C-alpha atoms as a PDB file:
ATOM      1  CA  MET A   1       8.125   7.823 -18.037  1.00  0.00           C
ATOM      2  CA  PHE A   2      11.849   8.212 -17.592  1.00  0.00           C
ATOM      3  CA  ARG A   3      14.238   5.262 -17.212  1.00  0.00           C
ATOM      4  CA  HIS A   4      17.654   5.168 -15.549  1.00  0.00           C
ATOM      5  CA  ILE A   5      19.916   2.148 -16.099  1.00  0.00           C
ATOM      6  CA  VAL A   6      23.203   1.535 -14.281  1.00  0.00           C
ATOM      7  CA  LEU A   7      25.697  -1.289 -14.674  1.00  0.00           C
ATOM      8  CA  LEU A   8      28.286  -1.823 -11.947  1.00  0.00           C
ATOM      9  CA  GLN A   9      31.515  -3.797 -12.018  1.00  0.00           C
ATOM     10  CA  TRP A  10      32.995  -4.919  -8.721  1.00  0.00           C
ATOM     11  CA  THR A  11      36.617  -5.111  -7.672  1.00  0.00           C
ATOM     12  CA  GLU A  12      38.187  -8.559  -7.736  1.00  0.00           C
ATOM     13  CA  ASP A  13      38.390  -8.608  -3.950  1.00  0.00           C
ATOM     14  CA  ALA A  14      34.713  -7.702  -3.401  1.00  0.00           C
ATOM     15  CA  THR A  15      33.141 -10.397  -1.236  1.00  0.00           C
ATOM     16  CA  GLU A  16      29.794 -12.082  -1.806  1.00  0.00           C
ATOM     17  CA  ALA A  17      28.643 -10.562   1.485  1.00  0.00           C
ATOM     18  CA  GLN A  18      29.508  -7.054   0.264  1.00  0.00           C
ATOM     19  CA  LYS A  19      27.687  -7.618  -3.033  1.00  0.00           C
ATOM     20  CA  ALA A  20      24.633  -8.969  -1.205  1.00  0.00           C
ATOM     21  CA  GLU A  21      24.656  -5.935   1.084  1.00  0.00           C
ATOM     22  CA  VAL A  22      24.610  -3.616  -1.941  1.00  0.00           C
ATOM     23  CA  ALA A  23      21.554  -5.438  -3.318  1.00  0.00           C
ATOM     24  CA  LYS A  24      19.834  -5.330   0.085  1.00  0.00           C
ATOM     25  CA  ARG A  25      20.477  -1.616   0.579  1.00  0.00           C
ATOM     26  CA  LEU A  26      19.392  -0.712  -2.950  1.00  0.00           C
ATOM     27  CA  ARG A  27      16.180  -2.737  -2.585  1.00  0.00           C
ATOM     28  CA  GLU A  28      15.323  -0.612   0.459  1.00  0.00           C
ATOM     29  CA  LEU A  29      15.381   2.629  -1.553  1.00  0.00           C
ATOM     30  CA  PRO A  30      11.780   2.535  -2.839  1.00  0.00           C
ATOM     31  CA  ALA A  31      10.546   2.774   0.772  1.00  0.00           C
ATOM     32  CA  ALA A  32      12.680   5.890   1.286  1.00  0.00           C
ATOM     33  CA  ILE A  33      12.200   7.535  -2.120  1.00  0.00           C
ATOM     34  CA  PRO A  34       8.570   7.594  -3.249  1.00  0.00           C
ATOM     35  CA  GLU A  35       9.511   9.063  -6.642  1.00  0.00           C
ATOM     36  CA  LEU A  36      10.706   5.601  -7.699  1.00  0.00           C
ATOM     37  CA  ARG A  37       7.896   4.202  -9.859  1.00  0.00           C
ATOM     38  CA  ASN A  38       9.527   0.817 -10.664  1.00  0.00           C
ATOM     39  CA  TYR A  39      12.861  -0.421  -9.354  1.00  0.00           C
ATOM     40  CA  ALA A  40      14.747  -3.600 -10.183  1.00  0.00           C
ATOM     41  CA  VAL A  41      18.258  -4.497  -9.087  1.00  0.00           C
ATOM     42  CA  GLY A  42      20.310  -7.654  -9.183  1.00  0.00           C
ATOM     43  CA  PRO A  43      23.537  -9.457  -9.985  1.00  0.00           C
ATOM     44  CA  ASP A  44      24.382 -10.540 -13.499  1.00  0.00           C
ATOM     45  CA  ALA A  45      23.165 -14.058 -14.299  1.00  0.00           C
ATOM     46  CA  GLY A  46      26.680 -15.111 -15.320  1.00  0.00           C
ATOM     47  CA  ILE A  47      25.651 -16.448 -18.722  1.00  0.00           C
ATOM     48  CA  ASN A  48      27.847 -14.246 -20.909  1.00  0.00           C
ATOM     49  CA  GLU A  49      31.479 -13.619 -20.136  1.00  0.00           C
ATOM     50  CA  GLY A  50      32.566 -10.008 -19.865  1.00  0.00           C
ATOM     51  CA  ASN A  51      29.268  -8.636 -18.539  1.00  0.00           C
ATOM     52  CA  PHE A  52      29.145  -6.137 -15.735  1.00  0.00           C
ATOM     53  CA  GLY A  53      28.419  -7.714 -12.360  1.00  0.00           C
ATOM     54  CA  PHE A  54      25.288  -5.855 -11.267  1.00  0.00           C
ATOM     55  CA  ALA A  55      22.390  -3.926 -12.821  1.00  0.00           C
ATOM     56  CA  VAL A  56      19.927  -1.280 -11.654  1.00  0.00           C
ATOM     57  CA  VAL A  57      16.848  -0.275 -13.657  1.00  0.00           C
ATOM     58  CA  ALA A  58      14.749   2.544 -12.228  1.00  0.00           C
ATOM     59  CA  ASP A  59      11.637   4.163 -13.693  1.00  0.00           C
ATOM     60  CA  PHE A  60      10.281   7.589 -12.807  1.00  0.00           C
ATOM     61  CA  ASP A  61       7.334   9.710 -13.873  1.00  0.00           C
ATOM     62  CA  SER A  62       9.652  12.562 -14.870  1.00  0.00           C
ATOM     63  CA  VAL A  63      13.210  13.783 -15.113  1.00  0.00           C
ATOM     64  CA  GLU A  64      12.560  15.836 -11.979  1.00  0.00           C
ATOM     65  CA  ASP A  65      11.652  12.677 -10.054  1.00  0.00           C
ATOM     66  CA  TYR A  66      14.857  11.035 -11.275  1.00  0.00           C
ATOM     67  CA  LEU A  67      16.836  14.030  -9.994  1.00  0.00           C
ATOM     68  CA  VAL A  68      15.205  13.654  -6.567  1.00  0.00           C
ATOM     69  CA  TYR A  69      16.380  10.012  -6.514  1.00  0.00           C
ATOM     70  CA  ARG A  70      19.841  10.855  -7.830  1.00  0.00           C
ATOM     71  CA  ASP A  71      20.453  13.443  -5.142  1.00  0.00           C
ATOM     72  CA  HIS A  72      18.493  11.842  -2.289  1.00  0.00           C
ATOM     73  CA  PRO A  73      20.647  11.541   0.852  1.00  0.00           C
ATOM     74  CA  VAL A  74      19.666   7.906   1.474  1.00  0.00           C
ATOM     75  CA  HIS A  75      20.664   6.975  -2.100  1.00  0.00           C
ATOM     76  CA  ARG A  76      23.910   8.943  -1.832  1.00  0.00           C
ATOM     77  CA  ALA A  77      24.706   7.172   1.459  1.00  0.00           C
ATOM     78  CA  VAL A  78      24.229   3.722  -0.111  1.00  0.00           C
ATOM     79  CA  ILE A  79      26.623   4.711  -2.881  1.00  0.00           C
ATOM     80  CA  ALA A  80      29.229   6.117  -0.503  1.00  0.00           C
ATOM     81  CA  GLU A  81      29.071   3.393   2.140  1.00  0.00           C
ATOM     82  CA  PHE A  82      28.405   0.200   0.195  1.00  0.00           C
ATOM     83  CA  ILE A  83      28.981   0.668  -3.545  1.00  0.00           C
ATOM     84  CA  ALA A  84      32.017   2.950  -3.841  1.00  0.00           C
ATOM     85  CA  PRO A  85      34.321   0.780  -1.693  1.00  0.00           C
ATOM     86  CA  ILE A  86      33.954  -2.194  -4.057  1.00  0.00           C
ATOM     87  CA  LEU A  87      33.302  -0.418  -7.379  1.00  0.00           C
ATOM     88  CA  THR A  88      35.771  -0.599 -10.228  1.00  0.00           C
ATOM     89  CA  ASN A  89      33.594   0.639 -13.109  1.00  0.00           C
ATOM     90  CA  ARG A  90      30.155   2.132 -13.716  1.00  0.00           C
ATOM     91  CA  VAL A  91      28.185   2.910 -16.843  1.00  0.00           C
ATOM     92  CA  ALA A  92      24.752   4.487 -17.016  1.00  0.00           C
ATOM     93  CA  ALA A  93      22.124   5.763 -19.415  1.00  0.00           C
ATOM     94  CA  GLN A  94      18.853   7.595 -19.033  1.00  0.00           C
ATOM     95  CA  TYR A  95      16.064   7.859 -21.589  1.00  0.00           C
ATOM     96  CA  VAL A  96      12.389   8.640 -22.035  1.00  0.00           C
ATOM     97  CA  ILE A  97      10.135   5.585 -22.410  1.00  0.00           C
END
């Protein structure tokens, strides 16, 4: 298995509606991208100060399946239309599990 983790930080003027729309759109991706084995997304719980605002954890059977997801036009559209306009910072890591 191959895991991809992303942490997103929103702009200060990002609205709750915009953040909710990101979560909604990302949660629709497994229906469009069958290579996603497990997929969890959600806002930070707000317990620790300084955390990023949103997390994505995606599992794949292989690196090749991850690359399909990474480059998939539906995924790219979610990034361009809903994430990029309110994104201030992003960090990511991928590893074999």
